[in-house]
Amino acid sequence: MTDLNALLTPGMRVRHPDRPDWGTGQVQSNIGGRITVNFPDAGKVVIEGSRVTLLPVFDD
């Protein structure tokens, strides 16, 4: 299976599959599999991409 997180770029909108209460976040950076996302209801969160596959949001 391909690492879908590798396709995430700054500015893309995503959701955390286990934390829908965080809302739709915006990717700030994706460096070495560590993805920094700014979520409206959780603030800035650094996610280890090898542990969580974020869900891209194309419409909201």
Protein backbone atom coordinates (compact mmCIF):
# COMPACT_ATOMS: atom_id res chain seq x y z
CA MET A 1 0.00 0.00 0.00
CA THR A 2 1.26 3.46 -0.89
CA ASP A 3 1.80 6.01 1.87
CA LEU A 4 -0.99 8.46 1.10
CA ASN A 5 0.36 10.93 3.66
CA ALA A 6 3.38 11.48 1.38
CA LEU A 7 1.02 13.24 -1.06
CA LEU A 8 -0.05 15.86 1.50
CA THR A 9 1.33 19.34 0.86
CA PRO A 10 1.04 22.61 2.78
CA GLY A 11 -2.35 24.20 2.34
CA MET A 12 -4.25 20.95 1.85
CA ARG A 13 -7.20 20.32 4.14
CA VAL A 14 -7.41 17.07 6.09
CA ARG A 15 -9.26 15.28 8.86
CA HIS A 16 -7.90 12.95 11.50
CA PRO A 17 -9.76 9.60 11.19
CA ASP A 18 -9.88 9.03 14.96
CA ARG A 19 -10.58 12.63 16.01
CA PRO A 20 -13.53 14.03 14.01
CA ASP A 21 -14.11 16.49 16.87
CA TRP A 22 -10.93 18.33 15.81
CA GLY A 23 -12.63 19.49 12.62
CA THR A 24 -10.99 20.03 9.24
CA GLY A 25 -7.35 21.06 9.55
CA GLN A 26 -4.87 22.65 7.19
CA VAL A 27 -1.49 21.02 6.54
CA GLN A 28 1.34 23.34 7.55
CA SER A 29 4.26 21.04 6.66
CA ASN A 30 5.10 17.45 5.78
CA ILE A 31 8.75 16.67 6.50
CA GLY A 32 10.13 13.19 6.91
CA GLY A 33 6.71 11.68 7.57
CA ARG A 34 5.92 14.16 10.36
CA ILE A 35 2.89 16.20 9.35
CA THR A 36 2.04 19.44 11.12
CA VAL A 37 -1.64 20.31 10.87
CA ASN A 38 -3.50 23.29 12.28
CA PHE A 39 -6.94 22.08 13.44
CA PRO A 40 -9.61 24.64 14.39
CA ASP A 41 -10.62 22.78 17.56
CA ALA A 42 -7.25 21.27 18.58
CA GLY A 43 -4.67 23.83 17.44
CA LYS A 44 -1.36 22.88 15.88
CA VAL A 45 -0.75 19.12 16.01
CA VAL A 46 2.28 17.15 14.78
CA ILE A 47 1.21 13.75 13.48
CA GLU A 48 3.48 10.79 12.86
CA GLY A 49 2.44 9.74 9.36
CA SER A 50 3.53 6.14 9.86
CA ARG A 51 0.91 5.75 12.60
CA VAL A 52 -2.06 7.71 11.22
CA THR A 53 -3.30 8.14 7.67
CA LEU A 54 -4.95 11.53 7.41
CA LEU A 55 -8.04 11.90 5.24
CA PRO A 56 -7.85 14.60 2.54
CA VAL A 57 -10.87 16.91 2.34
CA PHE A 58 -11.77 18.26 -1.08
CA ASP A 59 -15.11 19.84 -0.23
CA ASP A 60 -16.63 20.91 3.06
